[in-house]
Protein backbone atom coordinates (compact mmCIF):
# COMPACT_ATOMS: atom_id res chain seq x y z
CA MET A 1 48.24 -11.56 86.79
CA GLN A 2 48.36 -7.83 87.52
CA ARG A 3 45.18 -5.93 87.34
CA PRO A 4 45.14 -3.09 84.80
CA THR A 5 45.82 0.38 86.12
CA SER A 6 43.11 2.97 85.89
CA PRO A 7 43.57 6.06 83.73
CA ASN A 8 43.45 8.25 86.86
CA SER A 9 46.38 6.47 88.47
CA GLN A 10 48.36 6.75 85.24
CA ARG A 11 47.67 10.50 85.14
CA LEU A 12 48.73 10.89 88.75
CA ARG A 13 51.94 8.93 88.11
CA THR A 14 52.71 11.10 85.06
CA LEU A 15 51.98 14.26 87.03
CA ARG A 16 54.25 13.15 89.88
CA ARG A 17 57.05 12.38 87.43
CA ARG A 18 56.69 15.78 85.76
CA VAL A 19 56.70 17.61 89.09
CA ALA A 20 59.75 15.67 90.26
CA ALA A 21 61.55 16.38 86.98
CA GLY A 22 60.67 20.08 87.23
CA VAL A 23 61.93 20.31 90.81
CA LEU A 24 65.15 18.55 89.90
CA ALA A 25 65.68 20.76 86.83
CA THR A 26 65.08 23.91 88.89
CA PHE A 27 67.53 22.77 91.55
CA VAL A 28 70.22 21.97 88.99
CA ALA A 29 69.70 25.30 87.18
CA ALA A 30 69.90 27.25 90.45
CA TRP A 31 73.01 25.35 91.54
CA LEU A 32 74.72 26.03 88.21
CA ALA A 33 73.78 29.72 88.37
CA VAL A 34 75.22 30.06 91.86
CA ALA A 35 78.36 28.20 90.84
CA ALA A 36 78.83 30.33 87.72
CA LEU A 37 77.90 33.74 89.12
CA GLY A 38 79.27 33.22 92.61
CA LYS A 39 82.87 33.15 91.38
CA GLY A 40 82.62 36.59 89.77
CA GLY A 41 82.32 38.48 93.06
CA SER A 42 86.03 38.57 93.91
CA SER A 43 87.38 41.57 95.77
CA THR A 44 89.34 44.11 93.76
CA ALA A 45 91.01 45.63 96.82
CA ALA A 46 93.97 43.27 96.56
CA ALA A 47 94.53 44.19 92.92
CA THR A 48 94.42 47.94 93.48
CA SER A 49 96.61 48.03 96.58
CA THR A 50 99.67 46.46 94.92
CA THR A 51 102.56 48.72 93.96
CA PRO A 52 105.07 48.21 91.18
CA SER A 53 108.22 46.39 92.29
CA GLY A 54 110.56 49.21 91.24
CA SER A 55 108.78 52.04 93.06
CA THR A 56 110.30 53.68 96.12
CA GLY A 57 109.02 56.26 98.56
CA THR A 58 105.58 56.49 100.11
CA GLN A 59 102.76 54.30 98.96
CA SER A 60 99.50 55.90 97.95
CA GLN A 61 96.23 54.67 99.35
CA SER A 62 94.13 52.53 97.11
CA ASP A 63 90.68 53.77 96.22
CA ASP A 64 88.26 51.12 97.44
CA GLY A 65 85.22 53.05 96.28
CA PRO A 66 83.58 56.38 96.82
CA SER A 67 84.36 58.04 100.11
CA VAL A 68 81.39 58.53 102.40
CA ASP A 69 80.99 62.02 103.76
CA GLN A 70 78.93 62.43 106.93
CA SER A 71 76.77 65.10 105.32
CA GLN A 72 76.01 62.82 102.36
CA SER A 73 75.46 59.62 104.32
CA GLN A 74 71.69 59.90 104.09
CA SER A 75 70.30 57.92 101.20
CA SER A 76 68.25 59.93 98.78
CA GLN A 77 64.77 58.56 98.37
CA PRO A 78 62.50 59.36 95.45
CA GLY A 79 59.54 61.63 96.00
CA PRO A 80 55.91 60.54 95.96
CA VAL A 81 54.47 59.08 92.79
CA VAL A 82 52.28 61.62 90.98
CA THR A 83 49.66 60.38 88.59
CA GLY A 84 47.35 62.29 86.30
CA GLN A 85 44.28 61.03 88.11
CA SER A 86 42.50 63.07 90.74
């Protein structure tokens, strides 16, 4: 005959099951989020660089984003935080 389990071992078993279920649920949720959101980051450069089939002459450049000027290449950083306290 098996000896009865103590209440402490039952609590530990329940706690282990809950932790394992939480870890598994977190992994599955993260995997689904990556699978769902990871497909939305396709490049739009291929779509903007196509020309109509009937056009002739020179092709215009596609705009892949804002042009970076050397004088504006420094990133603007916010100033210091000012509070009303002295």
